[in-house]
Protein backbone atom coordinates (compact mmCIF):
# COMPACT_ATOMS: atom_id res chain seq x y z
CA MET A 1 0.04 142.48 97.80
CA THR A 2 3.41 144.01 98.63
CA ALA A 3 5.03 146.87 96.74
CA ALA A 4 7.65 144.44 95.40
CA ALA A 5 4.98 142.05 94.15
CA PHE A 6 3.14 144.91 92.47
CA LYS A 7 6.32 146.01 90.71
CA ARG A 8 6.85 142.44 89.48
CA SER A 9 3.32 142.40 88.09
CA ILE A 10 4.13 145.54 86.09
CA ARG A 11 7.14 143.76 84.60
CA ASP A 12 5.65 140.29 84.19
CA LEU A 13 1.99 140.95 83.39
CA GLN A 14 2.23 144.47 81.92
CA VAL A 15 0.03 146.05 84.57
CA TRP A 16 -0.80 149.41 83.00
CA CYS A 17 -1.28 152.51 85.13
CA SER A 18 -3.91 154.01 82.82
CA SER A 19 -5.94 150.80 83.17
CA CYS A 20 -5.99 151.06 86.98
CA MET A 21 -8.71 152.91 88.86
CA VAL A 22 -9.64 153.79 92.44
CA ALA A 23 -13.16 154.48 93.70
CA PHE A 24 -13.64 156.99 96.51
CA SER A 25 -16.33 157.78 99.03
CA GLY A 26 -15.50 161.36 99.90
CA SER A 27 -11.77 161.26 100.56
CA ASP A 28 -11.71 157.55 101.46
CA PRO A 29 -10.56 155.00 98.87
CA ILE A 30 -13.13 152.18 98.89
CA GLY A 31 -12.47 150.23 95.70
CA VAL A 32 -9.70 149.42 93.26
CA LEU A 33 -9.33 147.92 89.79
CA ILE A 34 -5.90 146.87 88.54
CA GLY A 35 -5.67 146.20 84.82
CA ALA A 36 -2.90 144.69 82.69
CA LYS A 37 -2.75 145.74 79.05
CA ARG A 38 -1.35 144.11 75.91
CA THR A 39 -2.15 144.44 72.23
CA SER A 40 -4.40 141.36 72.54
CA GLY A 41 -6.56 142.89 75.26
CA THR A 42 -6.82 144.01 78.88
CA LEU A 43 -6.83 141.68 81.88
CA ILE A 44 -8.81 142.65 84.97
CA HIS A 45 -5.99 141.52 87.23
CA ARG A 46 -7.61 142.59 90.51
CA ILE A 47 -10.90 144.19 91.48
CA ALA A 48 -11.96 144.74 95.08
CA VAL A 49 -14.39 146.84 97.09
CA HIS A 50 -14.16 147.51 100.82
CA PRO A 51 -16.59 145.22 102.72
CA ASP A 52 -18.45 148.21 104.16
CA HIS A 53 -19.27 149.43 100.64
CA CYS A 54 -20.16 146.22 98.79
CA ARG A 55 -23.38 145.92 96.77
CA GLN A 56 -23.57 149.66 96.19
CA GLY A 57 -22.51 149.58 92.52
CA HIS A 58 -18.86 150.54 92.96
CA GLY A 59 -17.44 147.39 91.34
CA GLY A 60 -19.74 147.74 88.34
CA HIS A 61 -18.85 151.42 88.03
CA LEU A 62 -15.13 150.58 87.93
CA LEU A 63 -15.70 147.99 85.19
CA THR A 64 -17.94 150.19 83.05
CA SER A 65 -15.57 153.14 83.40
CA LEU A 66 -12.65 151.08 82.12
CA SER A 67 -14.81 149.64 79.35
CA SER A 68 -15.82 153.13 78.19
CA LYS A 69 -12.20 154.23 78.14
CA LEU A 70 -11.04 151.19 76.15
CA ALA A 71 -13.89 151.61 73.67
CA ILE A 72 -12.08 154.77 72.59
CA LEU A 73 -8.42 153.88 73.15
CA GLY A 74 -8.47 150.09 72.70
CA PRO A 75 -7.74 147.27 72.74
CA PRO A 76 -11.42 146.28 72.83
CA ARG A 77 -11.09 142.82 74.42
CA LEU A 78 -11.46 142.56 78.20
CA VAL A 79 -10.83 139.34 80.14
CA ALA A 80 -10.89 138.21 83.76
CA GLU A 81 -9.75 134.94 85.34
CA VAL A 82 -11.94 134.59 88.43
CA PRO A 83 -11.73 131.80 91.04
CA GLU A 84 -15.09 130.04 90.96
CA THR A 85 -15.12 130.09 94.77
CA LEU A 86 -15.51 133.90 94.65
CA ALA A 87 -19.25 133.93 94.01
CA PRO A 88 -19.67 137.73 94.46
CA ALA A 89 -16.95 138.39 91.86
CA CYS A 90 -18.51 135.92 89.42
CA GLY A 91 -21.87 137.61 89.99
CA LEU A 92 -20.32 141.02 89.30
CA PHE A 93 -18.90 139.99 85.93
CA ASN A 94 -22.13 138.26 84.93
CA ALA A 95 -24.13 141.35 85.85
CA CYS A 96 -21.80 143.58 83.82
CA GLY A 97 -22.33 141.60 80.62
CA TYR A 98 -19.20 139.46 80.65
CA VAL A 99 -19.52 136.05 79.00
CA GLU A 100 -18.11 132.91 80.62
CA GLU A 101 -15.78 131.79 77.84
CA ALA A 102 -14.00 128.79 79.40
CA ASN A 103 -12.89 127.13 82.60
CA LEU A 104 -9.29 127.09 83.82
CA THR A 105 -7.97 124.49 86.25
CA ASP A 106 -5.17 124.58 88.82
CA TYR A 107 -3.28 121.27 88.96
CA VAL A 108 -0.70 119.88 91.38
CA LEU A 109 1.67 116.93 91.02
CA GLN A 110 3.42 115.21 93.89
CA ARG A 111 7.12 114.42 93.62
CA ARG A 112 7.74 111.07 91.91
CA ALA A 113 10.69 108.86 90.99
CA SER A 114 12.41 109.39 87.64
CA ASP A 115 11.77 105.89 86.35
CA GLU A 116 10.22 106.71 82.97
CA PRO A 117 11.97 104.87 80.11
CA ALA A 118 14.01 106.89 77.63
CA ILE A 119 12.34 107.90 74.36
CA ALA A 120 13.94 106.08 71.45
CA GLY A 121 15.95 108.42 69.22
CA SER A 122 15.62 111.33 71.67
CA PHE A 123 17.67 112.80 74.49
CA MET A 124 17.16 115.23 77.39
CA ILE A 125 18.65 118.73 77.22
CA PRO A 126 18.39 121.89 79.33
CA VAL A 127 16.50 124.77 77.70
CA THR A 128 15.80 128.41 78.47
CA VAL A 129 13.06 130.82 77.43
CA GLU A 130 15.51 132.28 74.90
CA ASP A 131 16.20 128.83 73.41
CA LEU A 132 12.52 128.18 72.82
CA ASP A 133 12.00 131.68 71.45
CA ALA A 134 14.90 131.28 69.01
CA ASN A 135 13.33 128.06 67.73
CA GLY A 136 9.91 129.62 67.28
CA LEU A 137 8.39 127.49 70.05
CA LEU A 138 7.45 130.15 72.57
CA GLU A 139 4.51 131.74 70.80
CA ASP A 140 1.10 130.41 71.70
CA ALA A 141 0.45 129.42 68.06
CA GLY A 142 -3.32 129.55 68.51
CA THR A 143 -3.27 127.64 71.80
CA GLN A 144 -5.29 129.38 74.50
CA VAL A 145 -3.31 129.91 77.69
CA CYS A 146 -3.87 132.00 80.79
CA TRP A 147 -2.33 135.48 80.97
CA GLU A 148 0.46 134.28 83.31
CA ARG A 149 1.69 131.68 80.81
CA SER A 150 1.44 133.67 77.59
CA ALA A 151 4.56 134.23 75.50
CA GLU A 152 4.76 137.84 76.73
CA THR A 153 4.83 136.74 80.37
CA LEU A 154 7.39 134.00 79.74
CA ARG A 155 9.71 136.49 78.03
CA ALA A 156 9.34 138.91 80.94
CA ARG A 157 10.14 136.11 83.42
CA LYS A 158 13.06 134.65 81.47
CA ASP A 159 15.49 135.17 84.34
CA ASP A 160 13.16 133.36 86.76
CA LEU A 161 12.50 130.28 84.63
CA THR A 162 14.60 127.30 83.61
CA GLY A 163 13.65 124.19 81.74
CA LEU A 164 14.15 120.79 80.15
CA ALA A 165 13.39 119.50 76.69
CA VAL A 166 13.17 116.18 74.89
CA ALA A 167 15.02 116.63 71.61
CA SER A 168 15.97 114.59 68.57
CA ASP A 169 18.81 115.29 66.16
CA GLU A 170 16.44 117.52 64.21
CA ARG A 171 14.24 119.41 66.66
CA ILE A 172 12.83 119.96 70.14
CA GLU A 173 9.95 117.52 70.61
CA ALA A 174 8.62 118.55 74.04
CA CYS A 175 9.56 121.05 76.74
CA VAL A 176 8.82 122.25 80.24
CA LEU A 177 9.69 125.60 81.83
CA HIS A 178 9.52 126.03 85.60
CA SER A 179 10.46 128.28 88.48
CA ASN A 180 12.66 127.19 91.37
CA ASP A 181 9.65 126.88 93.66
CA GLY A 182 7.90 124.37 91.41
CA GLU A 183 5.50 126.46 89.32
CA ILE A 184 5.25 125.24 85.73
CA GLY A 185 5.41 128.11 83.27
CA SER A 186 4.98 126.00 80.14
CA LEU A 187 4.43 122.32 79.40
CA ARG A 188 4.17 121.46 75.73
CA SER A 189 4.66 118.57 73.36
CA PHE A 190 5.18 119.06 69.64
CA VAL A 191 4.78 115.36 68.89
CA GLU A 192 1.61 113.27 69.05
CA ASP A 193 2.67 110.49 71.41
CA GLY A 194 -0.14 110.22 73.96
CA GLY A 195 1.86 112.21 76.53
CA ALA A 196 4.94 109.94 76.61
CA ARG A 197 7.42 112.79 76.22
CA LEU A 198 5.65 114.95 78.78
CA ASN A 199 5.71 112.04 81.22
CA HIS A 200 9.43 111.69 80.61
CA LEU A 201 10.02 115.40 81.27
CA LEU A 202 7.97 115.42 84.47
CA SER A 203 9.78 112.41 85.89
CA HIS A 204 13.11 114.21 85.45
CA LEU A 205 11.67 117.49 86.73
CA SER A 206 10.84 115.79 90.03
CA ASP A 207 14.59 115.36 90.56
CA ARG A 208 15.18 119.10 90.11
CA VAL A 209 12.32 120.58 92.14
CA GLN A 210 11.61 119.66 95.74
CA GLY A 211 8.02 119.18 96.83
CA THR A 212 4.84 119.66 94.83
CA LEU A 213 4.74 120.87 91.23
CA ARG A 214 2.04 123.46 90.48
CA PHE A 215 0.49 123.89 87.05
CA PRO A 216 -1.95 126.81 87.40
CA LYS A 217 -4.89 127.92 85.27
CA VAL A 218 -4.73 125.29 82.53
CA HIS A 219 -7.10 125.93 79.63
CA GLN A 220 -8.77 122.85 78.15
CA ALA A 221 -7.44 123.91 74.72
CA GLU A 222 -3.89 124.09 76.10
CA LEU A 223 -3.84 120.52 77.42
CA SER A 224 -6.98 118.44 77.83
CA ASN A 225 -8.11 117.55 81.33
CA GLU A 226 -7.81 113.88 80.42
CA LEU A 227 -4.19 114.25 79.32
CA VAL A 228 -3.18 116.32 82.36
CA GLU A 229 -4.74 113.82 84.73
CA SER A 230 -3.09 110.91 82.89
CA LEU A 231 0.26 112.58 83.67
CA GLY A 232 -0.50 112.27 87.39
CA PHE A 233 -1.81 115.77 88.13
CA ARG A 234 -4.87 116.32 90.27
CA ALA A 235 -7.18 119.32 90.19
CA ALA A 236 -6.72 121.79 93.05
CA GLY A 237 -8.89 124.73 92.01
CA ARG A 238 -10.86 126.20 89.14
CA TYR A 239 -11.36 129.59 87.52
CA ARG A 240 -13.93 131.05 85.18
CA LEU A 241 -12.52 132.89 82.18
CA TYR A 242 -14.81 135.85 81.46
CA SER A 243 -14.59 138.07 78.41
CA ALA A 244 -16.31 141.17 77.07
CA ALA A 245 -15.92 143.76 74.33
CA ALA A 246 -15.29 147.33 75.44
CA ARG A 247 -18.21 149.64 74.85
CA SER A 248 -19.04 153.23 75.68
CA GLU A 249 -21.92 153.79 78.08
């Protein structure tokens, strides 16, 4: 991680200095925990221990220290989005009492031709984060999304995201927000149509973004696996969403 990337995480993810910790062996730093904090909870954004000091309890000590602090200061909810390929990290969170709450899936979509038929009574318009916010469509509204695609993150990244929407004369019916490099920040339909409007958006998005579209960390409650795959995405990686309540030791 570069200094510039770390600064962006402070802006975008609300990395919070008082939720970050460093473990030392003598004067040598050997472990780090980076936490992001919002009113809804704290995200364990990064946790790492030097290879020479693994399996000595340092990772667990970092987690329990933060938990004890948040038990007093709040918020009490702690979450972590851990790649399932990182078996030692998954083992750490299991051992520290975290519960596996859900699975998140990375999806990719290859560029495709914009040959989807138009939606009767609807038209395509450009949208921004501010447009969706002004129409009350940015909030998660009970839908579970990863930390990077929450309303708070989208607002923080408003200058980095652009988008398209399918709209009628009365309202926005579906929308997609994306970065210039093809990462999807939000993909939502407000109409039950079996994914037709989302398909329409994605076909036009392929004309705007070169290469592969990436849709990271999709929660099953955000869009079902069946629907995402019917839109042409394929799974490219999975995460385990862990959660715990802060408690004093």
